[in-house]
Amino acid sequence: MQNRMMKFTLDSMAVDRLLTESAVGRISTIGADGYPYTVSVHYVYDGRAVYFHGLPKGEKLDNIRANSKVCFEVSGMKSILSPADESNICTADTEYESVVIRGNAYILENFEEKKAVLQKIVEKYLPGAVNPMPEKRIQGTAVVKVVIENKTGKYHK
């Protein structure tokens, strides 16, 4: 572990808070060409796994089918910290928090499980929405579960 990470580690409560409150996460998969592929996703976190949804076809899902190992990241920039030495702009810094998860991703097939996850996503992003989701939309939406192998959080201020 990097020295900075050891010194500025987020505790588990702060990690869970950031994962729960962040609006956007980034999922990285391993492409057929061996390169990482990273995209932003809307997601929910239940304390044990991260779930996100998307179109039923595409590079992200192709990559997961070929290799389930993924990395998921959320971060929040709080402020720019003014330079400690005004004559040296390079001493400016950023106050932030971030969480990195490594795990395995699985495309959910069970209709009821997909429906429950999509409902949690709706509740997170559209609180108070009451219209039921059409079954056809649920069936036509990919829902991915990231089972967490490990997660780390860090901050700087």
C-alpha atoms as a PDB file:
ATOM      1  CA  MET A   1       0.000   0.000   0.000  1.00  0.00           C
ATOM      2  CA  GLN A   2       1.279   3.455  -0.880  1.00  0.00           C
ATOM      3  CA  ASN A   3       2.509   5.626   2.005  1.00  0.00           C
ATOM      4  CA  ARG A   4      -0.102   8.308   1.215  1.00  0.00           C
ATOM      5  CA  MET A   5      -2.849   5.672   1.262  1.00  0.00           C
ATOM      6  CA  MET A   6      -1.776   4.422   4.693  1.00  0.00           C
ATOM      7  CA  LYS A   7      -1.774   7.964   6.056  1.00  0.00           C
ATOM      8  CA  PHE A   8      -5.079   9.080   4.511  1.00  0.00           C
ATOM      9  CA  THR A   9      -7.267   5.953   4.630  1.00  0.00           C
ATOM     10  CA  LEU A  10     -11.029   6.424   4.850  1.00  0.00           C
ATOM     11  CA  ASP A  11     -12.635   4.354   7.596  1.00  0.00           C
ATOM     12  CA  SER A  12     -15.329   1.832   6.655  1.00  0.00           C
ATOM     13  CA  MET A  13     -18.182   4.181   7.594  1.00  0.00           C
ATOM     14  CA  ALA A  14     -16.786   6.913   5.329  1.00  0.00           C
ATOM     15  CA  VAL A  15     -16.289   4.381   2.507  1.00  0.00           C
ATOM     16  CA  ASP A  16     -19.905   3.215   2.811  1.00  0.00           C
ATOM     17  CA  ARG A  17     -21.157   6.823   2.962  1.00  0.00           C
ATOM     18  CA  LEU A  18     -19.292   7.803  -0.200  1.00  0.00           C
ATOM     19  CA  LEU A  19     -20.493   4.691  -2.037  1.00  0.00           C
ATOM     20  CA  THR A  20     -24.069   5.362  -0.944  1.00  0.00           C
ATOM     21  CA  GLU A  21     -24.142   9.103  -1.657  1.00  0.00           C
ATOM     22  CA  SER A  22     -22.121   9.438  -4.866  1.00  0.00           C
ATOM     23  CA  ALA A  23     -24.226   9.959  -7.961  1.00  0.00           C
ATOM     24  CA  VAL A  24     -21.859   8.500 -10.533  1.00  0.00           C
ATOM     25  CA  GLY A  25     -19.378   5.646 -10.440  1.00  0.00           C
ATOM     26  CA  ARG A  26     -16.890   4.446 -13.001  1.00  0.00           C
ATOM     27  CA  ILE A  27     -16.602   0.794 -13.978  1.00  0.00           C
ATOM     28  CA  SER A  28     -13.456  -0.523 -15.626  1.00  0.00           C
ATOM     29  CA  THR A  29     -13.481  -3.775 -17.535  1.00  0.00           C
ATOM     30  CA  ILE A  30     -10.753  -5.558 -19.469  1.00  0.00           C
ATOM     31  CA  GLY A  31     -11.231  -5.347 -23.224  1.00  0.00           C
ATOM     32  CA  ALA A  32     -10.605  -8.058 -25.793  1.00  0.00           C
ATOM     33  CA  ASP A  33      -7.567  -6.028 -26.859  1.00  0.00           C
ATOM     34  CA  GLY A  34      -6.159  -6.210 -23.306  1.00  0.00           C
ATOM     35  CA  TYR A  35      -6.756  -2.532 -22.597  1.00  0.00           C
ATOM     36  CA  PRO A  36      -8.917  -1.251 -19.747  1.00  0.00           C
ATOM     37  CA  TYR A  37     -12.297   0.167 -20.733  1.00  0.00           C
ATOM     38  CA  THR A  38     -13.861   2.637 -18.284  1.00  0.00           C
ATOM     39  CA  VAL A  39     -17.333   4.166 -18.397  1.00  0.00           C
ATOM     40  CA  SER A  40     -19.469   6.158 -15.990  1.00  0.00           C
ATOM     41  CA  VAL A  41     -22.596   4.498 -14.611  1.00  0.00           C
ATOM     42  CA  HIS A  42     -25.522   5.224 -12.325  1.00  0.00           C
ATOM     43  CA  TYR A  43     -25.459   2.633  -9.571  1.00  0.00           C
ATOM     44  CA  VAL A  44     -26.628   1.520  -6.151  1.00  0.00           C
ATOM     45  CA  TYR A  45     -24.597   0.046  -3.313  1.00  0.00           C
ATOM     46  CA  ASP A  46     -26.128  -2.284  -0.729  1.00  0.00           C
ATOM     47  CA  GLY A  47     -23.159  -2.774   1.586  1.00  0.00           C
ATOM     48  CA  ARG A  48     -22.074  -6.014  -0.090  1.00  0.00           C
ATOM     49  CA  ALA A  49     -22.235  -5.319  -3.829  1.00  0.00           C
ATOM     50  CA  VAL A  50     -22.561  -2.574  -6.412  1.00  0.00           C
ATOM     51  CA  TYR A  51     -25.269  -2.786  -9.073  1.00  0.00           C
ATOM     52  CA  PHE A  52     -25.621  -0.797 -12.273  1.00  0.00           C
ATOM     53  CA  HIS A  53     -27.779  -0.956 -15.374  1.00  0.00           C
ATOM     54  CA  GLY A  54     -27.447  -0.241 -19.048  1.00  0.00           C
ATOM     55  CA  LEU A  55     -28.191  -1.345 -22.558  1.00  0.00           C
ATOM     56  CA  PRO A  56     -28.283  -5.118 -23.078  1.00  0.00           C
ATOM     57  CA  LYS A  57     -25.477  -5.046 -25.657  1.00  0.00           C
ATOM     58  CA  GLY A  58     -22.134  -3.313 -25.882  1.00  0.00           C
ATOM     59  CA  GLU A  59     -18.450  -3.376 -25.107  1.00  0.00           C
ATOM     60  CA  LYS A  60     -18.869  -3.227 -21.331  1.00  0.00           C
ATOM     61  CA  LEU A  61     -21.050  -6.359 -21.252  1.00  0.00           C
ATOM     62  CA  ASP A  62     -18.910  -8.168 -23.830  1.00  0.00           C
ATOM     63  CA  ASN A  63     -15.884  -7.512 -21.632  1.00  0.00           C
ATOM     64  CA  ILE A  64     -17.663  -8.771 -18.482  1.00  0.00           C
ATOM     65  CA  ARG A  65     -18.750 -11.947 -20.263  1.00  0.00           C
ATOM     66  CA  ALA A  66     -15.143 -12.589 -21.313  1.00  0.00           C
ATOM     67  CA  ASN A  67     -13.524 -11.621 -17.990  1.00  0.00           C
ATOM     68  CA  SER A  68     -15.518 -10.887 -14.841  1.00  0.00           C
ATOM     69  CA  LYS A  69     -12.693  -9.016 -13.095  1.00  0.00           C
ATOM     70  CA  VAL A  70     -13.568  -5.330 -12.765  1.00  0.00           C
ATOM     71  CA  CYS A  71     -12.624  -2.193 -10.911  1.00  0.00           C
ATOM     72  CA  PHE A  72     -15.260   0.273  -9.711  1.00  0.00           C
ATOM     73  CA  GLU A  73     -14.448   3.796  -8.516  1.00  0.00           C
ATOM     74  CA  VAL A  74     -16.264   6.758  -7.012  1.00  0.00           C
ATOM     75  CA  SER A  75     -14.765  10.059  -5.989  1.00  0.00           C
ATOM     76  CA  GLY A  76     -15.718  13.470  -4.830  1.00  0.00           C
ATOM     77  CA  MET A  77     -13.703  16.643  -5.077  1.00  0.00           C
ATOM     78  CA  LYS A  78     -14.448  18.946  -2.179  1.00  0.00           C
ATOM     79  CA  SER A  79     -12.244  21.927  -2.982  1.00  0.00           C
ATOM     80  CA  ILE A  80      -9.014  23.222  -4.448  1.00  0.00           C
ATOM     81  CA  LEU A  81      -6.497  23.961  -1.707  1.00  0.00           C
ATOM     82  CA  SER A  82      -4.592  27.177  -2.309  1.00  0.00           C
ATOM     83  CA  PRO A  83      -0.851  26.901  -2.734  1.00  0.00           C
ATOM     84  CA  ALA A  84       1.045  26.762   0.569  1.00  0.00           C
ATOM     85  CA  ASP A  85       3.676  28.878  -1.106  1.00  0.00           C
ATOM     86  CA  GLU A  86       2.089  31.565  -3.326  1.00  0.00           C
ATOM     87  CA  SER A  87       5.306  31.812  -5.353  1.00  0.00           C
ATOM     88  CA  ASN A  88       5.085  28.101  -6.241  1.00  0.00           C
ATOM     89  CA  ILE A  89       1.768  27.183  -7.852  1.00  0.00           C
ATOM     90  CA  CYS A  90       2.854  23.528  -7.776  1.00  0.00           C
ATOM     91  CA  THR A  91       2.050  23.430  -4.056  1.00  0.00           C
ATOM     92  CA  ALA A  92      -1.689  23.773  -4.803  1.00  0.00           C
ATOM     93  CA  ASP A  93      -3.636  20.621  -3.979  1.00  0.00           C
ATOM     94  CA  THR A  94      -7.122  19.105  -3.981  1.00  0.00           C
ATOM     95  CA  GLU A  95      -9.342  18.062  -1.093  1.00  0.00           C
ATOM     96  CA  TYR A  96     -11.089  14.835  -2.113  1.00  0.00           C
ATOM     97  CA  GLU A  97     -12.384  11.410  -1.122  1.00  0.00           C
ATOM     98  CA  SER A  98     -12.314   8.296  -3.286  1.00  0.00           C
ATOM     99  CA  VAL A  99     -13.145   4.613  -3.094  1.00  0.00           C
ATOM    100  CA  VAL A 100     -11.796   1.849  -5.303  1.00  0.00           C
ATOM    101  CA  ILE A 101     -13.452  -1.566  -5.448  1.00  0.00           C
ATOM    102  CA  ARG A 102     -12.002  -4.651  -7.053  1.00  0.00           C
ATOM    103  CA  GLY A 103     -14.351  -7.501  -7.709  1.00  0.00           C
ATOM    104  CA  ASN A 104     -16.157  -9.729 -10.140  1.00  0.00           C
ATOM    105  CA  ALA A 105     -19.115  -8.625 -12.250  1.00  0.00           C
ATOM    106  CA  TYR A 106     -22.073 -10.796 -13.167  1.00  0.00           C
ATOM    107  CA  ILE A 107     -24.929  -9.992 -15.521  1.00  0.00           C
ATOM    108  CA  LEU A 108     -28.178 -10.741 -13.706  1.00  0.00           C
ATOM    109  CA  GLU A 109     -30.657 -12.969 -15.516  1.00  0.00           C
ATOM    110  CA  ASN A 110     -33.374 -13.439 -12.858  1.00  0.00           C
ATOM    111  CA  PHE A 111     -36.295 -11.113 -13.636  1.00  0.00           C
ATOM    112  CA  GLU A 112     -37.298 -10.493 -10.000  1.00  0.00           C
ATOM    113  CA  GLU A 113     -33.708  -9.723  -8.987  1.00  0.00           C
ATOM    114  CA  LYS A 114     -33.332  -7.290 -11.915  1.00  0.00           C
ATOM    115  CA  LYS A 115     -36.646  -5.648 -11.043  1.00  0.00           C
ATOM    116  CA  ALA A 116     -35.625  -5.175  -7.385  1.00  0.00           C
ATOM    117  CA  VAL A 117     -32.273  -3.620  -8.356  1.00  0.00           C
ATOM    118  CA  LEU A 118     -33.846  -1.320 -10.932  1.00  0.00           C
ATOM    119  CA  GLN A 119     -36.389  -0.202  -8.324  1.00  0.00           C
ATOM    120  CA  LYS A 120     -33.517   0.712  -5.956  1.00  0.00           C
ATOM    121  CA  ILE A 121     -31.846   2.679  -8.752  1.00  0.00           C
ATOM    122  CA  VAL A 122     -35.109   4.551  -9.424  1.00  0.00           C
ATOM    123  CA  GLU A 123     -35.486   5.297  -5.700  1.00  0.00           C
ATOM    124  CA  LYS A 124     -31.940   6.685  -5.566  1.00  0.00           C
ATOM    125  CA  TYR A 125     -32.158   8.925  -8.620  1.00  0.00           C
ATOM    126  CA  LEU A 126     -35.900   9.690  -8.801  1.00  0.00           C
ATOM    127  CA  PRO A 127     -37.135   9.688  -5.196  1.00  0.00           C
ATOM    128  CA  GLY A 128     -40.900   9.744  -5.018  1.00  0.00           C
ATOM    129  CA  ALA A 129     -41.420   8.202  -8.462  1.00  0.00           C
ATOM    130  CA  VAL A 130     -44.479   5.984  -8.274  1.00  0.00           C
ATOM    131  CA  ASN A 131     -45.052   4.666 -11.797  1.00  0.00           C
ATOM    132  CA  PRO A 132     -44.249   0.966 -12.118  1.00  0.00           C
ATOM    133  CA  MET A 133     -41.579  -0.065 -14.585  1.00  0.00           C
ATOM    134  CA  PRO A 134     -42.973  -1.893 -17.614  1.00  0.00           C
ATOM    135  CA  GLU A 135     -41.958  -5.564 -17.672  1.00  0.00           C
ATOM    136  CA  LYS A 136     -40.681  -5.222 -21.222  1.00  0.00           C
ATOM    137  CA  ARG A 137     -38.259  -2.455 -20.138  1.00  0.00           C
ATOM    138  CA  ILE A 138     -36.987  -4.565 -17.258  1.00  0.00           C
ATOM    139  CA  GLN A 139     -36.445  -7.524 -19.577  1.00  0.00           C
ATOM    140  CA  GLY A 140     -34.648  -5.291 -22.084  1.00  0.00           C
ATOM    141  CA  THR A 141     -32.287  -3.750 -19.554  1.00  0.00           C
ATOM    142  CA  ALA A 142     -28.988  -5.260 -18.513  1.00  0.00           C
ATOM    143  CA  VAL A 143     -28.355  -5.244 -14.769  1.00  0.00           C
ATOM    144  CA  VAL A 144     -24.867  -6.019 -13.481  1.00  0.00           C
ATOM    145  CA  LYS A 145     -23.855  -7.039  -9.965  1.00  0.00           C
ATOM    146  CA  VAL A 146     -20.283  -6.370  -8.845  1.00  0.00           C
ATOM    147  CA  VAL A 147     -19.366  -8.714  -6.010  1.00  0.00           C
ATOM    148  CA  ILE A 148     -16.758  -6.925  -3.921  1.00  0.00           C
ATOM    149  CA  GLU A 149     -13.432  -8.698  -3.381  1.00  0.00           C
ATOM    150  CA  ASN A 150     -11.857  -5.686  -1.675  1.00  0.00           C
ATOM    151  CA  LYS A 151     -12.478  -1.970  -1.299  1.00  0.00           C
ATOM    152  CA  THR A 152     -10.246   0.851  -0.204  1.00  0.00           C
ATOM    153  CA  GLY A 153     -10.915   4.479   0.413  1.00  0.00           C
ATOM    154  CA  LYS A 154      -8.648   7.454   0.740  1.00  0.00           C
ATOM    155  CA  TYR A 155      -8.926  11.164   1.287  1.00  0.00           C
ATOM    156  CA  HIS A 156      -6.805  14.263   1.251  1.00  0.00           C
ATOM    157  CA  LYS A 157      -7.385  17.580   2.948  1.00  0.00           C
END
